[in-house]
Amino acid sequence: MREWRWLAAAMLGLCLAACTGPASQPEPTATPTTSALSGSYDPARFASMVRTRAQEAGVSPRLVMAILFNESYKPHDPALERAWQRLKPGAAFGVANMHEATFDATKKGRAFAGRSWDQLPDDPDLAIQAESWYLHDLAAQLPAHRSGSITSDELLALGYNAGPGAMKSFARGTKPGAQAQSYLDTLRGNWAKAGKALGEP
């Protein structure tokens, strides 16, 4: 995941090359903000949204925020996300990095049912709302009896990253693979940062 900055730079070059017309008549192109490419993106600015949406969905605001920090490995700039989507169809959208199928399943019967997945890059509040309700849905799938040392919040984060099937397997005591363990380690490293962003002790 950490190679995103290199991928972003390469993708930006490809996008500019593909989107620019002849040298004598260049067409306007959308370019990402300097902050997006410099790595100054900070999920803490969404603290108010996180509190509101997490409360609506009945999930931990700290978990929602920690996942936003986990997913901040890439710059969340709408133009950059859409350019990357053209190069890699099926990539996730929005500050919570959600895939289209997950968004469409999560929105059913919810207040944002009329919204579209392709709106996520432009609407952090929608992305956080969808993230919160997906965590709510994952929580309903957690086995009542679990084994192992992974906490419920950590299992939900792993479910967010790897899907409900993997989450259930981890809950039964299956050891996370390298990728899942890396996500879990990152979450644990971001836990204090998430609490601080929300003003929690």
C-alpha atoms as a PDB file:
ATOM      1  CA  MET A   1       0.000   0.000   0.000  1.00  0.00           C
ATOM      2  CA  ARG A   2       2.852   2.343   0.729  1.00  0.00           C
ATOM      3  CA  GLU A   3       3.848   2.433  -2.934  1.00  0.00           C
ATOM      4  CA  TRP A   4       0.818   4.657  -3.611  1.00  0.00           C
ATOM      5  CA  ARG A   5       2.856   7.852  -3.876  1.00  0.00           C
ATOM      6  CA  TRP A   6       4.976   6.334  -6.611  1.00  0.00           C
ATOM      7  CA  LEU A   7       1.866   4.993  -8.320  1.00  0.00           C
ATOM      8  CA  ALA A   8       0.163   8.352  -7.951  1.00  0.00           C
ATOM      9  CA  ALA A   9       3.068  10.148  -9.592  1.00  0.00           C
ATOM     10  CA  ALA A  10       3.170   7.641 -12.438  1.00  0.00           C
ATOM     11  CA  MET A  11      -0.590   7.729 -12.835  1.00  0.00           C
ATOM     12  CA  LEU A  12      -0.647  11.514 -12.852  1.00  0.00           C
ATOM     13  CA  GLY A  13       1.919  11.530 -15.619  1.00  0.00           C
ATOM     14  CA  LEU A  14      -0.125   9.038 -17.622  1.00  0.00           C
ATOM     15  CA  CYS A  15      -3.300  11.012 -17.032  1.00  0.00           C
ATOM     16  CA  LEU A  16      -1.746  14.276 -18.127  1.00  0.00           C
ATOM     17  CA  ALA A  17      -0.271  12.626 -21.181  1.00  0.00           C
ATOM     18  CA  ALA A  18      -3.575  11.033 -22.110  1.00  0.00           C
ATOM     19  CA  CYS A  19      -5.752  14.035 -21.321  1.00  0.00           C
ATOM     20  CA  THR A  20      -3.622  16.719 -22.943  1.00  0.00           C
ATOM     21  CA  GLY A  21      -4.236  17.572 -26.572  1.00  0.00           C
ATOM     22  CA  PRO A  22      -1.677  18.754 -29.141  1.00  0.00           C
ATOM     23  CA  ALA A  23       0.992  21.090 -27.834  1.00  0.00           C
ATOM     24  CA  SER A  24      -0.505  24.034 -29.665  1.00  0.00           C
ATOM     25  CA  GLN A  25      -3.984  23.509 -28.184  1.00  0.00           C
ATOM     26  CA  PRO A  26      -3.770  21.949 -24.709  1.00  0.00           C
ATOM     27  CA  GLU A  27      -7.067  20.898 -23.180  1.00  0.00           C
ATOM     28  CA  PRO A  28      -7.772  21.786 -19.545  1.00  0.00           C
ATOM     29  CA  THR A  29      -7.176  18.905 -17.160  1.00  0.00           C
ATOM     30  CA  ALA A  30      -8.085  18.357 -13.531  1.00  0.00           C
ATOM     31  CA  THR A  31      -4.970  18.073 -11.441  1.00  0.00           C
ATOM     32  CA  PRO A  32      -4.716  16.942  -7.821  1.00  0.00           C
ATOM     33  CA  THR A  33      -4.047  19.429  -5.112  1.00  0.00           C
ATOM     34  CA  THR A  34      -0.537  19.937  -3.795  1.00  0.00           C
ATOM     35  CA  SER A  35      -1.623  18.715  -0.366  1.00  0.00           C
ATOM     36  CA  ALA A  36      -2.853  15.460  -1.883  1.00  0.00           C
ATOM     37  CA  LEU A  37       0.522  14.688  -3.409  1.00  0.00           C
ATOM     38  CA  SER A  38       2.607  15.977  -0.512  1.00  0.00           C
ATOM     39  CA  GLY A  39       1.070  13.552   1.980  1.00  0.00           C
ATOM     40  CA  SER A  40      -0.463  16.230   4.238  1.00  0.00           C
ATOM     41  CA  TYR A  41      -3.911  14.627   4.109  1.00  0.00           C
ATOM     42  CA  ASP A  42      -5.220  14.268   7.676  1.00  0.00           C
ATOM     43  CA  PRO A  43      -8.403  12.284   8.478  1.00  0.00           C
ATOM     44  CA  ALA A  44      -8.682  14.118  11.821  1.00  0.00           C
ATOM     45  CA  ARG A  45     -10.436  16.939   9.983  1.00  0.00           C
ATOM     46  CA  PHE A  46     -13.471  14.650   9.658  1.00  0.00           C
ATOM     47  CA  ALA A  47     -13.890  14.204  13.417  1.00  0.00           C
ATOM     48  CA  SER A  48     -17.311  15.852  13.568  1.00  0.00           C
ATOM     49  CA  MET A  49     -18.638  13.712  10.699  1.00  0.00           C
ATOM     50  CA  VAL A  50     -17.196  10.584  12.300  1.00  0.00           C
ATOM     51  CA  ARG A  51     -18.929  11.265  15.614  1.00  0.00           C
ATOM     52  CA  THR A  52     -22.282  11.893  13.934  1.00  0.00           C
ATOM     53  CA  ARG A  53     -22.221   8.978  11.503  1.00  0.00           C
ATOM     54  CA  ALA A  54     -20.802   6.470  13.980  1.00  0.00           C
ATOM     55  CA  GLN A  55     -23.523   7.370  16.501  1.00  0.00           C
ATOM     56  CA  GLU A  56     -26.227   6.947  13.845  1.00  0.00           C
ATOM     57  CA  ALA A  57     -24.926   3.487  12.968  1.00  0.00           C
ATOM     58  CA  GLY A  58     -24.259   2.464  16.564  1.00  0.00           C
ATOM     59  CA  VAL A  59     -20.550   1.790  16.091  1.00  0.00           C
ATOM     60  CA  SER A  60     -17.393   3.068  17.752  1.00  0.00           C
ATOM     61  CA  PRO A  61     -16.332   6.520  16.500  1.00  0.00           C
ATOM     62  CA  ARG A  62     -12.764   5.626  17.372  1.00  0.00           C
ATOM     63  CA  LEU A  63     -12.950   2.544  15.150  1.00  0.00           C
ATOM     64  CA  VAL A  64     -14.383   4.574  12.274  1.00  0.00           C
ATOM     65  CA  MET A  65     -11.597   7.143  12.660  1.00  0.00           C
ATOM     66  CA  ALA A  66      -8.853   4.530  13.026  1.00  0.00           C
ATOM     67  CA  ILE A  67      -9.976   2.934   9.763  1.00  0.00           C
ATOM     68  CA  LEU A  68      -9.852   6.345   8.070  1.00  0.00           C
ATOM     69  CA  PHE A  69      -6.255   6.635   9.252  1.00  0.00           C
ATOM     70  CA  ASN A  70      -5.558   3.124   7.964  1.00  0.00           C
ATOM     71  CA  GLU A  71      -7.007   4.091   4.604  1.00  0.00           C
ATOM     72  CA  SER A  72      -5.062   7.365   4.398  1.00  0.00           C
ATOM     73  CA  TYR A  73      -2.054   5.669   2.792  1.00  0.00           C
ATOM     74  CA  LYS A  74      -3.135   7.232  -0.490  1.00  0.00           C
ATOM     75  CA  PRO A  75      -4.075  10.854  -1.205  1.00  0.00           C
ATOM     76  CA  HIS A  76      -7.831  11.300  -1.356  1.00  0.00           C
ATOM     77  CA  ASP A  77      -8.224  13.855  -4.090  1.00  0.00           C
ATOM     78  CA  PRO A  78     -11.335  13.447  -6.313  1.00  0.00           C
ATOM     79  CA  ALA A  79      -9.493  14.103  -9.589  1.00  0.00           C
ATOM     80  CA  LEU A  80      -6.672  11.763  -8.658  1.00  0.00           C
ATOM     81  CA  GLU A  81      -9.041   8.999  -7.568  1.00  0.00           C
ATOM     82  CA  ARG A  82     -10.972   9.189 -10.823  1.00  0.00           C
ATOM     83  CA  ALA A  83      -7.784   9.214 -12.887  1.00  0.00           C
ATOM     84  CA  TRP A  84      -6.596   6.121 -11.030  1.00  0.00           C
ATOM     85  CA  GLN A  85      -9.997   4.477 -11.597  1.00  0.00           C
ATOM     86  CA  ARG A  86      -9.491   4.856 -15.363  1.00  0.00           C
ATOM     87  CA  LEU A  87      -6.188   2.999 -15.093  1.00  0.00           C
ATOM     88  CA  LYS A  88      -7.419   0.422 -12.577  1.00  0.00           C
ATOM     89  CA  PRO A  89     -11.174  -0.165 -12.925  1.00  0.00           C
ATOM     90  CA  GLY A  90     -12.699  -1.544  -9.758  1.00  0.00           C
ATOM     91  CA  ALA A  91     -10.466   0.431  -7.401  1.00  0.00           C
ATOM     92  CA  ALA A  92     -12.050   1.773  -4.209  1.00  0.00           C
ATOM     93  CA  PHE A  93     -13.444   5.302  -3.919  1.00  0.00           C
ATOM     94  CA  GLY A  94     -13.626   7.894  -1.151  1.00  0.00           C
ATOM     95  CA  VAL A  95     -11.811   8.627   2.103  1.00  0.00           C
ATOM     96  CA  ALA A  96     -12.842   5.213   3.457  1.00  0.00           C
ATOM     97  CA  ASN A  97     -11.746   3.337   0.305  1.00  0.00           C
ATOM     98  CA  MET A  98     -15.005   1.531  -0.415  1.00  0.00           C
ATOM     99  CA  HIS A  99     -15.669  -0.684  -3.409  1.00  0.00           C
ATOM    100  CA  GLU A 100     -18.832  -0.257  -5.469  1.00  0.00           C
ATOM    101  CA  ALA A 101     -20.406  -3.630  -4.592  1.00  0.00           C
ATOM    102  CA  THR A 102     -19.909  -3.004  -0.874  1.00  0.00           C
ATOM    103  CA  PHE A 103     -21.407   0.474  -1.104  1.00  0.00           C
ATOM    104  CA  ASP A 104     -24.421  -0.754  -3.080  1.00  0.00           C
ATOM    105  CA  ALA A 105     -25.095  -3.550  -0.578  1.00  0.00           C
ATOM    106  CA  THR A 106     -24.651  -1.254   2.424  1.00  0.00           C
ATOM    107  CA  LYS A 107     -26.922   1.557   1.231  1.00  0.00           C
ATOM    108  CA  LYS A 108     -30.017  -0.626   0.838  1.00  0.00           C
ATOM    109  CA  GLY A 109     -32.796   0.586   3.123  1.00  0.00           C
ATOM    110  CA  ARG A 110     -30.632   3.375   4.489  1.00  0.00           C
ATOM    111  CA  ALA A 111     -30.998   7.156   4.365  1.00  0.00           C
ATOM    112  CA  PHE A 112     -28.396   7.324   1.589  1.00  0.00           C
ATOM    113  CA  ALA A 113     -30.044   4.634  -0.575  1.00  0.00           C
ATOM    114  CA  GLY A 114     -30.510   7.137  -3.375  1.00  0.00           C
ATOM    115  CA  ARG A 115     -26.844   8.071  -3.497  1.00  0.00           C
ATOM    116  CA  SER A 116     -24.296   6.681  -5.935  1.00  0.00           C
ATOM    117  CA  TRP A 117     -20.875   5.115  -5.293  1.00  0.00           C
ATOM    118  CA  ASP A 118     -19.230   7.481  -7.767  1.00  0.00           C
ATOM    119  CA  GLN A 119     -20.164  10.378  -5.462  1.00  0.00           C
ATOM    120  CA  LEU A 120     -17.809   9.117  -2.737  1.00  0.00           C
ATOM    121  CA  PRO A 121     -14.659  10.973  -3.875  1.00  0.00           C
ATOM    122  CA  ASP A 122     -16.485  14.312  -3.652  1.00  0.00           C
ATOM    123  CA  ASP A 123     -18.390  13.676  -0.422  1.00  0.00           C
ATOM    124  CA  PRO A 124     -16.381  12.577   2.642  1.00  0.00           C
ATOM    125  CA  ASP A 125     -19.518  12.641   4.771  1.00  0.00           C
ATOM    126  CA  LEU A 126     -21.191  10.091   2.493  1.00  0.00           C
ATOM    127  CA  ALA A 127     -18.052   7.946   2.581  1.00  0.00           C
ATOM    128  CA  ILE A 128     -17.978   8.023   6.386  1.00  0.00           C
ATOM    129  CA  GLN A 129     -21.709   7.325   6.568  1.00  0.00           C
ATOM    130  CA  ALA A 130     -21.300   4.259   4.346  1.00  0.00           C
ATOM    131  CA  GLU A 131     -18.233   3.112   6.300  1.00  0.00           C
ATOM    132  CA  SER A 132     -20.123   3.379   9.592  1.00  0.00           C
ATOM    133  CA  TRP A 133     -23.112   1.396   8.377  1.00  0.00           C
ATOM    134  CA  TYR A 134     -20.907  -1.261   6.807  1.00  0.00           C
ATOM    135  CA  LEU A 135     -19.202  -1.692  10.177  1.00  0.00           C
ATOM    136  CA  HIS A 136     -22.698  -1.962  11.708  1.00  0.00           C
ATOM    137  CA  ASP A 137     -23.536  -4.741   9.236  1.00  0.00           C
ATOM    138  CA  LEU A 138     -20.252  -6.531   9.921  1.00  0.00           C
ATOM    139  CA  ALA A 139     -20.919  -6.371  13.677  1.00  0.00           C
ATOM    140  CA  ALA A 140     -24.184  -8.234  13.133  1.00  0.00           C
ATOM    141  CA  GLN A 141     -22.173 -11.059  11.542  1.00  0.00           C
ATOM    142  CA  LEU A 142     -19.626 -11.488  14.336  1.00  0.00           C
ATOM    143  CA  PRO A 143     -19.879 -14.965  15.901  1.00  0.00           C
ATOM    144  CA  ALA A 144     -21.223 -14.955  19.450  1.00  0.00           C
ATOM    145  CA  HIS A 145     -18.422 -17.250  20.588  1.00  0.00           C
ATOM    146  CA  ARG A 146     -14.933 -16.265  19.541  1.00  0.00           C
ATOM    147  CA  SER A 147     -11.449 -17.527  20.196  1.00  0.00           C
ATOM    148  CA  GLY A 148      -8.128 -15.739  20.046  1.00  0.00           C
ATOM    149  CA  SER A 149      -6.864 -12.398  21.264  1.00  0.00           C
ATOM    150  CA  ILE A 150      -8.255 -10.155  18.508  1.00  0.00           C
ATOM    151  CA  THR A 151     -10.813  -7.707  19.920  1.00  0.00           C
ATOM    152  CA  SER A 152     -14.262  -7.117  18.443  1.00  0.00           C
ATOM    153  CA  ASP A 153     -13.234  -3.719  17.042  1.00  0.00           C
ATOM    154  CA  GLU A 154     -10.121  -5.263  15.512  1.00  0.00           C
ATOM    155  CA  LEU A 155     -12.208  -8.030  13.945  1.00  0.00           C
ATOM    156  CA  LEU A 156     -14.545  -5.424  12.466  1.00  0.00           C
ATOM    157  CA  ALA A 157     -11.584  -3.567  10.992  1.00  0.00           C
ATOM    158  CA  LEU A 158     -10.271  -6.798   9.506  1.00  0.00           C
ATOM    159  CA  GLY A 159     -13.743  -7.446   8.106  1.00  0.00           C
ATOM    160  CA  TYR A 160     -13.748  -3.974   6.594  1.00  0.00           C
ATOM    161  CA  ASN A 161     -10.431  -4.696   4.935  1.00  0.00           C
ATOM    162  CA  ALA A 162     -10.736  -8.374   4.011  1.00  0.00           C
ATOM    163  CA  GLY A 163     -14.472  -9.052   3.999  1.00  0.00           C
ATOM    164  CA  PRO A 164     -16.944 -10.757   6.336  1.00  0.00           C
ATOM    165  CA  GLY A 165     -15.776 -14.286   5.510  1.00  0.00           C
ATOM    166  CA  ALA A 166     -12.224 -13.535   6.591  1.00  0.00           C
ATOM    167  CA  MET A 167     -13.511 -11.722   9.686  1.00  0.00           C
ATOM    168  CA  LYS A 168     -15.502 -14.798  10.766  1.00  0.00           C
ATOM    169  CA  SER A 169     -12.487 -17.009  10.175  1.00  0.00           C
ATOM    170  CA  PHE A 170     -10.286 -14.774  12.322  1.00  0.00           C
ATOM    171  CA  ALA A 171     -12.985 -14.748  14.998  1.00  0.00           C
ATOM    172  CA  ARG A 172     -12.814 -18.547  15.088  1.00  0.00           C
ATOM    173  CA  GLY A 173      -9.098 -18.348  15.777  1.00  0.00           C
ATOM    174  CA  THR A 174      -7.548 -18.512  12.308  1.00  0.00           C
ATOM    175  CA  LYS A 175      -4.258 -16.620  12.302  1.00  0.00           C
ATOM    176  CA  PRO A 176      -4.305 -13.567   9.983  1.00  0.00           C
ATOM    177  CA  GLY A 177      -2.062 -13.787   6.933  1.00  0.00           C
ATOM    178  CA  ALA A 178       0.666 -11.247   6.235  1.00  0.00           C
ATOM    179  CA  GLN A 179      -1.601  -8.658   4.596  1.00  0.00           C
ATOM    180  CA  ALA A 180      -4.319  -8.888   7.249  1.00  0.00           C
ATOM    181  CA  GLN A 181      -1.728  -8.781  10.016  1.00  0.00           C
ATOM    182  CA  SER A 182      -0.175  -5.682   8.478  1.00  0.00           C
ATOM    183  CA  TYR A 183      -3.604  -3.997   8.418  1.00  0.00           C
ATOM    184  CA  LEU A 184      -4.174  -5.006  12.039  1.00  0.00           C
ATOM    185  CA  ASP A 185      -0.752  -3.720  13.125  1.00  0.00           C
ATOM    186  CA  THR A 186      -1.435  -0.423  11.354  1.00  0.00           C
ATOM    187  CA  LEU A 187      -4.831  -0.153  13.062  1.00  0.00           C
ATOM    188  CA  ARG A 188      -3.252  -0.694  16.456  1.00  0.00           C
ATOM    189  CA  GLY A 189      -0.673   1.963  15.640  1.00  0.00           C
ATOM    190  CA  ASN A 190      -3.439   4.379  14.642  1.00  0.00           C
ATOM    191  CA  TRP A 191      -5.680   3.697  17.650  1.00  0.00           C
ATOM    192  CA  ALA A 192      -4.187   6.411  19.882  1.00  0.00           C
ATOM    193  CA  LYS A 193      -4.088   8.847  16.962  1.00  0.00           C
ATOM    194  CA  ALA A 194      -7.785   8.201  16.282  1.00  0.00           C
ATOM    195  CA  GLY A 195      -8.643   8.830  19.932  1.00  0.00           C
ATOM    196  CA  LYS A 196      -6.709  12.065  19.926  1.00  0.00           C
ATOM    197  CA  ALA A 197      -8.473  13.234  16.763  1.00  0.00           C
ATOM    198  CA  LEU A 198     -11.810  12.680  18.502  1.00  0.00           C
ATOM    199  CA  GLY A 199     -10.720  14.260  21.775  1.00  0.00           C
ATOM    200  CA  GLU A 200     -10.914  10.946  23.613  1.00  0.00           C
ATOM    201  CA  PRO A 201      -8.470   9.976  26.411  1.00  0.00           C
END
